[in-house]
């Protein structure tokens, strides 16, 4: 599926909402990025930040499933959205 950056940002905002509501995982995200909650609030309109949210969630299949299920999204939608945001082009190792 080809996704526009605007649609990708919407998916990433849904993922961010899920992450913020996850009391166990949010501190892990904040600790791994060095961001504060205030930093996060200031960056919600930054496509690169939204990409980092998707990168983080996609580190663990259980997080992808949890986020996708909570937002009624197909499991591949997060990676499709990530590819449409800055820095999200697929890396080919060959």
PDB file of N, CA and C in Angstrom:
ATOM      1  N   UNK A   1       0.834  -1.178   0.000  1.00  0.00           N
ATOM      2  CA  UNK A   1       0.000   0.000   0.000  1.00  0.00           C
ATOM      3  C   UNK A   1       0.879   1.242   0.000  1.00  0.00           C
ATOM      4  N   UNK A   2       0.573   2.172  -0.869  1.00  0.00           N
ATOM      5  CA  UNK A   2       1.274   3.449  -0.888  1.00  0.00           C
ATOM      6  C   UNK A   2       0.550   4.393   0.069  1.00  0.00           C
ATOM      7  N   UNK A   3       1.312   5.074   0.886  1.00  0.00           N
ATOM      8  CA  UNK A   3       0.708   5.919   1.916  1.00  0.00           C
ATOM      9  C   UNK A   3       1.272   7.328   1.788  1.00  0.00           C
ATOM     10  N   UNK A   4       0.413   8.321   1.933  1.00  0.00           N
ATOM     11  CA  UNK A   4       0.864   9.704   1.933  1.00  0.00           C
ATOM     12  C   UNK A   4       1.494  10.030   3.285  1.00  0.00           C
ATOM     13  N   UNK A   5       2.289  11.086   3.306  1.00  0.00           N
ATOM     14  CA  UNK A   5       2.891  11.487   4.574  1.00  0.00           C
ATOM     15  C   UNK A   5       1.809  11.907   5.560  1.00  0.00           C
ATOM     16  N   UNK A   6       0.771  12.539   5.075  1.00  0.00           N
ATOM     17  CA  UNK A   6      -0.322  12.960   5.963  1.00  0.00           C
ATOM     18  C   UNK A   6      -0.999  11.750   6.618  1.00  0.00           C
ATOM     19  N   UNK A   7      -1.274  10.726   5.833  1.00  0.00           N
ATOM     20  CA  UNK A   7      -1.872   9.509   6.400  1.00  0.00           C
ATOM     21  C   UNK A   7      -0.908   8.830   7.364  1.00  0.00           C
ATOM     22  N   UNK A   8       0.368   8.840   7.017  1.00  0.00           N
ATOM     23  CA  UNK A   8       1.385   8.232   7.878  1.00  0.00           C
ATOM     24  C   UNK A   8       1.455   8.963   9.220  1.00  0.00           C
ATOM     25  N   UNK A   9       1.354  10.279   9.181  1.00  0.00           N
ATOM     26  CA  UNK A   9       1.376  11.053  10.420  1.00  0.00           C
ATOM     27  C   UNK A   9       0.165  10.713  11.287  1.00  0.00           C
ATOM     28  N   UNK A  10      -0.978  10.500  10.661  1.00  0.00           N
ATOM     29  CA  UNK A  10      -2.180  10.115  11.412  1.00  0.00           C
ATOM     30  C   UNK A  10      -1.979   8.779  12.110  1.00  0.00           C
ATOM     31  N   UNK A  11      -1.415   7.812  11.383  1.00  0.00           N
ATOM     32  CA  UNK A  11      -1.139   6.498  11.983  1.00  0.00           C
ATOM     33  C   UNK A  11      -0.141   6.654  13.131  1.00  0.00           C
ATOM     34  N   UNK A  12       0.897   7.460  12.915  1.00  0.00           N
ATOM     35  CA  UNK A  12       1.904   7.653  13.955  1.00  0.00           C
ATOM     36  C   UNK A  12       1.312   8.338  15.185  1.00  0.00           C
ATOM     37  N   UNK A  13       0.388   9.263  14.975  1.00  0.00           N
ATOM     38  CA  UNK A  13      -0.276   9.903  16.118  1.00  0.00           C
ATOM     39  C   UNK A  13      -1.134   8.906  16.886  1.00  0.00           C
ATOM     40  N   UNK A  14      -1.776   7.978  16.175  1.00  0.00           N
ATOM     41  CA  UNK A  14      -2.526   6.918  16.847  1.00  0.00           C
ATOM     42  C   UNK A  14      -1.569   6.061  17.678  1.00  0.00           C
ATOM     43  N   UNK A  15      -0.410   5.758  17.103  1.00  0.00           N
ATOM     44  CA  UNK A  15       0.586   4.954  17.813  1.00  0.00           C
ATOM     45  C   UNK A  15       1.097   5.708  19.041  1.00  0.00           C
ATOM     46  N   UNK A  16       1.317   7.003  18.886  1.00  0.00           N
ATOM     47  CA  UNK A  16       1.768   7.817  20.020  1.00  0.00           C
ATOM     48  C   UNK A  16       0.719   7.814  21.128  1.00  0.00           C
ATOM     49  N   UNK A  17      -0.541   7.919  20.750  1.00  0.00           N
ATOM     50  CA  UNK A  17      -1.614   7.865  21.747  1.00  0.00           C
ATOM     51  C   UNK A  17      -1.598   6.557  22.514  1.00  0.00           C
ATOM     52  N   UNK A  18      -1.371   5.462  21.789  1.00  0.00           N
ATOM     53  CA  UNK A  18      -1.284   4.154  22.442  1.00  0.00           C
ATOM     54  C   UNK A  18      -0.085   4.113  23.388  1.00  0.00           C
ATOM     55  N   UNK A  19       1.052   4.642  22.922  1.00  0.00           N
ATOM     56  CA  UNK A  19       2.268   4.632  23.730  1.00  0.00           C
ATOM     57  C   UNK A  19       2.091   5.461  25.000  1.00  0.00           C
ATOM     58  N   UNK A  20       1.504   6.624  24.868  1.00  0.00           N
ATOM     59  CA  UNK A  20       1.296   7.498  26.031  1.00  0.00           C
ATOM     60  C   UNK A  20       0.368   6.835  27.046  1.00  0.00           C
ATOM     61  N   UNK A  21      -0.585   6.056  26.567  1.00  0.00           N
ATOM     62  CA  UNK A  21      -1.503   5.366  27.465  1.00  0.00           C
ATOM     63  C   UNK A  21      -0.943   4.105  28.086  1.00  0.00           C
ATOM     64  N   UNK A  22       0.257   3.716  27.687  1.00  0.00           N
ATOM     65  CA  UNK A  22       0.873   2.495  28.198  1.00  0.00           C
ATOM     66  C   UNK A  22       1.853   2.875  29.316  1.00  0.00           C
ATOM     67  N   UNK A  23       1.409   2.725  30.560  1.00  0.00           N
ATOM     68  CA  UNK A  23       2.194   3.162  31.714  1.00  0.00           C
ATOM     69  C   UNK A  23       3.520   2.423  31.869  1.00  0.00           C
ATOM     70  N   UNK A  24       3.602   1.206  31.354  1.00  0.00           N
ATOM     71  CA  UNK A  24       4.842   0.444  31.466  1.00  0.00           C
ATOM     72  C   UNK A  24       5.828   0.809  30.356  1.00  0.00           C
ATOM     73  N   UNK A  25       5.323   1.063  29.170  1.00  0.00           N
ATOM     74  CA  UNK A  25       6.186   1.269  28.016  1.00  0.00           C
ATOM     75  C   UNK A  25       6.613   2.719  27.824  1.00  0.00           C
ATOM     76  N   UNK A  26       5.782   3.669  28.202  1.00  0.00           N
ATOM     77  CA  UNK A  26       6.130   5.082  28.017  1.00  0.00           C
ATOM     78  C   UNK A  26       7.457   5.443  28.687  1.00  0.00           C
ATOM     79  N   UNK A  27       7.713   5.036  29.934  1.00  0.00           N
ATOM     80  CA  UNK A  27       8.998   5.368  30.542  1.00  0.00           C
ATOM     81  C   UNK A  27      10.188   4.755  29.782  1.00  0.00           C
ATOM     82  N   UNK A  28       9.982   3.593  29.190  1.00  0.00           N
ATOM     83  CA  UNK A  28      11.047   2.964  28.398  1.00  0.00           C
ATOM     84  C   UNK A  28      11.350   3.828  27.177  1.00  0.00           C
ATOM     85  N   UNK A  29      10.306   4.296  26.504  1.00  0.00           N
ATOM     86  CA  UNK A  29      10.485   5.180  25.347  1.00  0.00           C
ATOM     87  C   UNK A  29      11.204   6.459  25.748  1.00  0.00           C
ATOM     88  N   UNK A  30      10.728   7.089  26.813  1.00  0.00           N
ATOM     89  CA  UNK A  30      11.347   8.337  27.263  1.00  0.00           C
ATOM     90  C   UNK A  30      12.807   8.117  27.648  1.00  0.00           C
ATOM     91  N   UNK A  31      13.078   7.028  28.322  1.00  0.00           N
ATOM     92  CA  UNK A  31      14.451   6.731  28.722  1.00  0.00           C
ATOM     93  C   UNK A  31      15.349   6.436  27.539  1.00  0.00           C
ATOM     94  N   UNK A  32      14.815   5.755  26.535  1.00  0.00           N
ATOM     95  CA  UNK A  32      15.653   5.397  25.387  1.00  0.00           C
ATOM     96  C   UNK A  32      15.895   6.583  24.468  1.00  0.00           C
ATOM     97  N   UNK A  33      14.987   7.546  24.453  1.00  0.00           N
ATOM     98  CA  UNK A  33      15.160   8.709  23.582  1.00  0.00           C
ATOM     99  C   UNK A  33      15.786   9.886  24.308  1.00  0.00           C
ATOM    100  N   UNK A  34      15.710   9.891  25.624  1.00  0.00           N
ATOM    101  CA  UNK A  34      16.197  11.037  26.384  1.00  0.00           C
ATOM    102  C   UNK A  34      15.206  12.189  26.380  1.00  0.00           C
ATOM    103  N   UNK A  35      14.031  11.967  25.817  1.00  0.00           N
ATOM    104  CA  UNK A  35      13.006  13.009  25.754  1.00  0.00           C
ATOM    105  C   UNK A  35      12.224  13.068  27.061  1.00  0.00           C
ATOM    106  N   UNK A  36      11.734  14.240  27.344  1.00  0.00           N
ATOM    107  CA  UNK A  36      10.829  14.403  28.484  1.00  0.00           C
ATOM    108  C   UNK A  36       9.406  14.425  27.945  1.00  0.00           C
ATOM    109  N   UNK A  37       8.445  14.381  28.844  1.00  0.00           N
ATOM    110  CA  UNK A  37       7.052  14.476  28.405  1.00  0.00           C
ATOM    111  C   UNK A  37       6.797  15.822  27.740  1.00  0.00           C
ATOM    112  N   UNK A  38       7.433  16.883  28.233  1.00  0.00           N
ATOM    113  CA  UNK A  38       7.281  18.209  27.619  1.00  0.00           C
ATOM    114  C   UNK A  38       7.878  18.210  26.212  1.00  0.00           C
ATOM    115  N   UNK A  39       9.039  17.566  26.048  1.00  0.00           N
ATOM    116  CA  UNK A  39       9.642  17.449  24.713  1.00  0.00           C
ATOM    117  C   UNK A  39       8.685  16.740  23.766  1.00  0.00           C
ATOM    118  N   UNK A  40       8.069  15.699  24.270  1.00  0.00           N
ATOM    119  CA  UNK A  40       7.157  14.908  23.461  1.00  0.00           C
ATOM    120  C   UNK A  40       5.959  15.751  23.020  1.00  0.00           C
ATOM    121  N   UNK A  41       5.401  16.511  23.933  1.00  0.00           N
ATOM    122  CA  UNK A  41       4.257  17.361  23.593  1.00  0.00           C
ATOM    123  C   UNK A  41       4.646  18.381  22.524  1.00  0.00           C
ATOM    124  N   UNK A  42       5.859  18.889  22.601  1.00  0.00           N
ATOM    125  CA  UNK A  42       6.315  19.879  21.628  1.00  0.00           C
ATOM    126  C   UNK A  42       6.660  19.296  20.275  1.00  0.00           C
ATOM    127  N   UNK A  43       6.797  17.985  20.200  1.00  0.00           N
ATOM    128  CA  UNK A  43       7.245  17.352  18.963  1.00  0.00           C
ATOM    129  C   UNK A  43       6.153  16.597  18.217  1.00  0.00           C
ATOM    130  N   UNK A  44       4.925  16.675  18.680  1.00  0.00           N
ATOM    131  CA  UNK A  44       3.870  15.877  18.051  1.00  0.00           C
ATOM    132  C   UNK A  44       3.606  16.271  16.603  1.00  0.00           C
ATOM    133  N   UNK A  45       4.006  17.449  16.200  1.00  0.00           N
ATOM    134  CA  UNK A  45       3.824  17.871  14.809  1.00  0.00           C
ATOM    135  C   UNK A  45       5.075  17.671  13.968  1.00  0.00           C
ATOM    136  N   UNK A  46       6.097  17.057  14.530  1.00  0.00           N
ATOM    137  CA  UNK A  46       7.358  16.824  13.827  1.00  0.00           C
ATOM    138  C   UNK A  46       7.347  15.424  13.211  1.00  0.00           C
ATOM    139  N   UNK A  47       7.311  15.331  11.872  1.00  0.00           N
ATOM    140  CA  UNK A  47       7.265  14.018  11.222  1.00  0.00           C
ATOM    141  C   UNK A  47       8.449  13.116  11.598  1.00  0.00           C
ATOM    142  N   UNK A  48       9.613  13.700  11.837  1.00  0.00           N
ATOM    143  CA  UNK A  48      10.772  12.887  12.221  1.00  0.00           C
ATOM    144  C   UNK A  48      10.552  12.269  13.609  1.00  0.00           C
ATOM    145  N   UNK A  49       9.974  13.034  14.526  1.00  0.00           N
ATOM    146  CA  UNK A  49       9.663  12.498  15.855  1.00  0.00           C
ATOM    147  C   UNK A  49       8.631  11.382  15.742  1.00  0.00           C
ATOM    148  N   UNK A  50       7.597  11.604  14.936  1.00  0.00           N
ATOM    149  CA  UNK A  50       6.577  10.575  14.756  1.00  0.00           C
ATOM    150  C   UNK A  50       7.188   9.304  14.186  1.00  0.00           C
ATOM    151  N   UNK A  51       8.161   9.458  13.294  1.00  0.00           N
ATOM    152  CA  UNK A  51       8.875   8.291  12.775  1.00  0.00           C
ATOM    153  C   UNK A  51       9.621   7.561  13.875  1.00  0.00           C
ATOM    154  N   UNK A  52      10.189   8.318  14.811  1.00  0.00           N
ATOM    155  CA  UNK A  52      10.921   7.676  15.915  1.00  0.00           C
ATOM    156  C   UNK A  52       9.972   6.898  16.826  1.00  0.00           C
ATOM    157  N   UNK A  53       8.746   7.383  16.963  1.00  0.00           N
ATOM    158  CA  UNK A  53       7.744   6.649  17.743  1.00  0.00           C
ATOM    159  C   UNK A  53       7.478   5.300  17.080  1.00  0.00           C
ATOM    160  N   UNK A  54       7.281   5.324  15.760  1.00  0.00           N
ATOM    161  CA  UNK A  54       7.031   4.074  15.044  1.00  0.00           C
ATOM    162  C   UNK A  54       8.247   3.155  15.101  1.00  0.00           C
ATOM    163  N   UNK A  55       9.451   3.725  14.949  1.00  0.00           N
ATOM    164  CA  UNK A  55      10.671   2.913  15.057  1.00  0.00           C
ATOM    165  C   UNK A  55      10.714   2.187  16.399  1.00  0.00           C
ATOM    166  N   UNK A  56      10.396   2.910  17.457  1.00  0.00           N
ATOM    167  CA  UNK A  56      10.437   2.328  18.792  1.00  0.00           C
ATOM    168  C   UNK A  56       9.427   1.194  18.926  1.00  0.00           C
ATOM    169  N   UNK A  57       8.197   1.440  18.531  1.00  0.00           N
ATOM    170  CA  UNK A  57       7.153   0.414  18.677  1.00  0.00           C
ATOM    171  C   UNK A  57       7.486  -0.813  17.844  1.00  0.00           C
ATOM    172  N   UNK A  58       8.074  -0.596  16.677  1.00  0.00           N
ATOM    173  CA  UNK A  58       8.376  -1.728  15.794  1.00  0.00           C
ATOM    174  C   UNK A  58       9.581  -2.546  16.259  1.00  0.00           C
ATOM    175  N   UNK A  59      10.195  -2.166  17.360  1.00  0.00           N
ATOM    176  CA  UNK A  59      11.301  -2.949  17.913  1.00  0.00           C
ATOM    177  C   UNK A  59      10.825  -4.261  18.520  1.00  0.00           C
ATOM    178  N   UNK A  60       9.541  -4.379  18.820  1.00  0.00           N
ATOM    179  CA  UNK A  60       9.034  -5.578  19.483  1.00  0.00           C
ATOM    180  C   UNK A  60       7.701  -5.979  18.857  1.00  0.00           C
ATOM    181  N   UNK A  61       7.607  -7.201  18.402  1.00  0.00           N
ATOM    182  CA  UNK A  61       6.375  -7.666  17.763  1.00  0.00           C
ATOM    183  C   UNK A  61       5.167  -7.536  18.680  1.00  0.00           C
ATOM    184  N   UNK A  62       5.354  -7.768  19.961  1.00  0.00           N
ATOM    185  CA  UNK A  62       4.221  -7.659  20.902  1.00  0.00           C
ATOM    186  C   UNK A  62       3.714  -6.222  20.969  1.00  0.00           C
ATOM    187  N   UNK A  63       4.619  -5.248  20.868  1.00  0.00           N
ATOM    188  CA  UNK A  63       4.208  -3.850  20.877  1.00  0.00           C
ATOM    189  C   UNK A  63       3.447  -3.512  19.599  1.00  0.00           C
ATOM    190  N   UNK A  64       3.908  -4.043  18.467  1.00  0.00           N
ATOM    191  CA  UNK A  64       3.214  -3.822  17.193  1.00  0.00           C
ATOM    192  C   UNK A  64       1.798  -4.386  17.277  1.00  0.00           C
ATOM    193  N   UNK A  65       1.686  -5.593  17.778  1.00  0.00           N
ATOM    194  CA  UNK A  65       0.371  -6.232  17.897  1.00  0.00           C
ATOM    195  C   UNK A  65      -0.522  -5.429  18.844  1.00  0.00           C
ATOM    196  N   UNK A  66       0.004  -5.038  19.990  1.00  0.00           N
ATOM    197  CA  UNK A  66      -0.788  -4.284  20.965  1.00  0.00           C
ATOM    198  C   UNK A  66      -1.258  -2.951  20.417  1.00  0.00           C
ATOM    199  N   UNK A  67      -0.355  -2.229  19.788  1.00  0.00           N
ATOM    200  CA  UNK A  67      -0.684  -0.922  19.213  1.00  0.00           C
ATOM    201  C   UNK A  67      -1.676  -1.071  18.068  1.00  0.00           C
ATOM    202  N   UNK A  68      -1.421  -2.015  17.197  1.00  0.00           N
ATOM    203  CA  UNK A  68      -2.295  -2.226  16.039  1.00  0.00           C
ATOM    204  C   UNK A  68      -3.688  -2.657  16.474  1.00  0.00           C
ATOM    205  N   UNK A  69      -3.751  -3.599  17.401  1.00  0.00           N
ATOM    206  CA  UNK A  69      -5.053  -4.062  17.885  1.00  0.00           C
ATOM    207  C   UNK A  69      -5.830  -2.928  18.558  1.00  0.00           C
ATOM    208  N   UNK A  70      -5.141  -2.138  19.354  1.00  0.00           N
ATOM    209  CA  UNK A  70      -5.809  -1.039  20.061  1.00  0.00           C
ATOM    210  C   UNK A  70      -6.363   0.002  19.091  1.00  0.00           C
ATOM    211  N   UNK A  71      -5.685   0.169  17.959  1.00  0.00           N
ATOM    212  CA  UNK A  71      -6.103   1.169  16.981  1.00  0.00           C
ATOM    213  C   UNK A  71      -6.835   0.575  15.784  1.00  0.00           C
ATOM    214  N   UNK A  72      -7.136  -0.727  15.864  1.00  0.00           N
ATOM    215  CA  UNK A  72      -7.848  -1.429  14.795  1.00  0.00           C
ATOM    216  C   UNK A  72      -7.146  -1.262  13.443  1.00  0.00           C
ATOM    217  N   UNK A  73      -5.828  -1.429  13.471  1.00  0.00           N
ATOM    218  CA  UNK A  73      -5.009  -1.307  12.266  1.00  0.00           C
ATOM    219  C   UNK A  73      -4.456  -2.662  11.872  1.00  0.00           C
ATOM    220  N   UNK A  74      -4.288  -2.902  10.570  1.00  0.00           N
ATOM    221  CA  UNK A  74      -3.567  -4.115  10.161  1.00  0.00           C
ATOM    222  C   UNK A  74      -2.128  -4.029  10.685  1.00  0.00           C
ATOM    223  N   UNK A  75      -1.543  -5.167  11.000  1.00  0.00           N
ATOM    224  CA  UNK A  75      -0.209  -5.164  11.613  1.00  0.00           C
ATOM    225  C   UNK A  75       0.843  -4.508  10.738  1.00  0.00           C
ATOM    226  N   UNK A  76       0.722  -4.575   9.443  1.00  0.00           N
ATOM    227  CA  UNK A  76       1.730  -3.987   8.554  1.00  0.00           C
ATOM    228  C   UNK A  76       1.585  -2.465   8.431  1.00  0.00           C
ATOM    229  N   UNK A  77       0.489  -1.893   8.923  1.00  0.00           N
ATOM    230  CA  UNK A  77       0.241  -0.461   8.749  1.00  0.00           C
ATOM    231  C   UNK A  77       1.315   0.406   9.401  1.00  0.00           C
ATOM    232  N   UNK A  78       1.848  -0.021  10.536  1.00  0.00           N
ATOM    233  CA  UNK A  78       2.879   0.783  11.193  1.00  0.00           C
ATOM    234  C   UNK A  78       4.128   0.892  10.322  1.00  0.00           C
ATOM    235  N   UNK A  79       4.540  -0.195   9.717  1.00  0.00           N
ATOM    236  CA  UNK A  79       5.738  -0.139   8.865  1.00  0.00           C
ATOM    237  C   UNK A  79       5.450   0.634   7.583  1.00  0.00           C
ATOM    238  N   UNK A  80       4.241   0.528   7.064  1.00  0.00           N
ATOM    239  CA  UNK A  80       3.877   1.315   5.882  1.00  0.00           C
ATOM    240  C   UNK A  80       3.941   2.808   6.207  1.00  0.00           C
ATOM    241  N   UNK A  81       3.429   3.165   7.372  1.00  0.00           N
ATOM    242  CA  UNK A  81       3.475   4.566   7.792  1.00  0.00           C
ATOM    243  C   UNK A  81       4.911   5.011   7.992  1.00  0.00           C
ATOM    244  N   UNK A  82       5.718   4.151   8.590  1.00  0.00           N
ATOM    245  CA  UNK A  82       7.120   4.525   8.836  1.00  0.00           C
ATOM    246  C   UNK A  82       7.846   4.812   7.534  1.00  0.00           C
ATOM    247  N   UNK A  83       7.572   4.035   6.509  1.00  0.00           N
ATOM    248  CA  UNK A  83       8.239   4.240   5.229  1.00  0.00           C
ATOM    249  C   UNK A  83       7.852   5.565   4.578  1.00  0.00           C
ATOM    250  N   UNK A  84       6.693   6.107   4.939  1.00  0.00           N
ATOM    251  CA  UNK A  84       6.224   7.363   4.344  1.00  0.00           C
ATOM    252  C   UNK A  84       6.680   8.597   5.114  1.00  0.00           C
ATOM    253  N   UNK A  85       7.361   8.395   6.224  1.00  0.00           N
ATOM    254  CA  UNK A  85       7.850   9.515   7.030  1.00  0.00           C
ATOM    255  C   UNK A  85       9.343   9.715   6.785  1.00  0.00           C
ATOM    256  N   UNK A  86       9.878  10.897   7.104  1.00  0.00           N
ATOM    257  CA  UNK A  86      11.304  11.162   6.882  1.00  0.00           C
ATOM    258  C   UNK A  86      12.200  10.097   7.505  1.00  0.00           C
ATOM    259  N   UNK A  87      13.156   9.625   6.728  1.00  0.00           N
ATOM    260  CA  UNK A  87      14.102   8.613   7.197  1.00  0.00           C
ATOM    261  C   UNK A  87      13.561   7.205   7.165  1.00  0.00           C
ATOM    262  N   UNK A  88      12.386   7.017   6.605  1.00  0.00           N
ATOM    263  CA  UNK A  88      11.752   5.712   6.657  1.00  0.00           C
ATOM    264  C   UNK A  88      11.887   4.872   5.413  1.00  0.00           C
ATOM    265  N   UNK A  89      12.665   5.319   4.443  1.00  0.00           N
ATOM    266  CA  UNK A  89      12.847   4.536   3.238  1.00  0.00           C
ATOM    267  C   UNK A  89      13.413   3.171   3.566  1.00  0.00           C
ATOM    268  N   UNK A  90      12.945   2.170   2.857  1.00  0.00           N
ATOM    269  CA  UNK A  90      13.438   0.814   3.130  1.00  0.00           C
ATOM    270  C   UNK A  90      14.921   0.722   2.855  1.00  0.00           C
ATOM    271  N   UNK A  91      15.606   0.055   3.740  1.00  0.00           N
ATOM    272  CA  UNK A  91      17.040  -0.166   3.586  1.00  0.00           C
ATOM    273  C   UNK A  91      17.221  -1.507   2.895  1.00  0.00           C
ATOM    274  N   UNK A  92      17.987  -1.508   1.838  1.00  0.00           N
ATOM    275  CA  UNK A  92      18.297  -2.748   1.137  1.00  0.00           C
ATOM    276  C   UNK A  92      19.763  -3.087   1.403  1.00  0.00           C
ATOM    277  N   UNK A  93      19.995  -4.256   1.953  1.00  0.00           N
ATOM    278  CA  UNK A  93      21.343  -4.650   2.339  1.00  0.00           C
ATOM    279  C   UNK A  93      22.068  -5.384   1.232  1.00  0.00           C
ATOM    280  N   UNK A  94      21.446  -5.536   0.087  1.00  0.00           N
ATOM    281  CA  UNK A  94      22.119  -6.246  -1.009  1.00  0.00           C
ATOM    282  C   UNK A  94      22.603  -5.294  -2.068  1.00  0.00           C
TER     283      UNK A  94
END
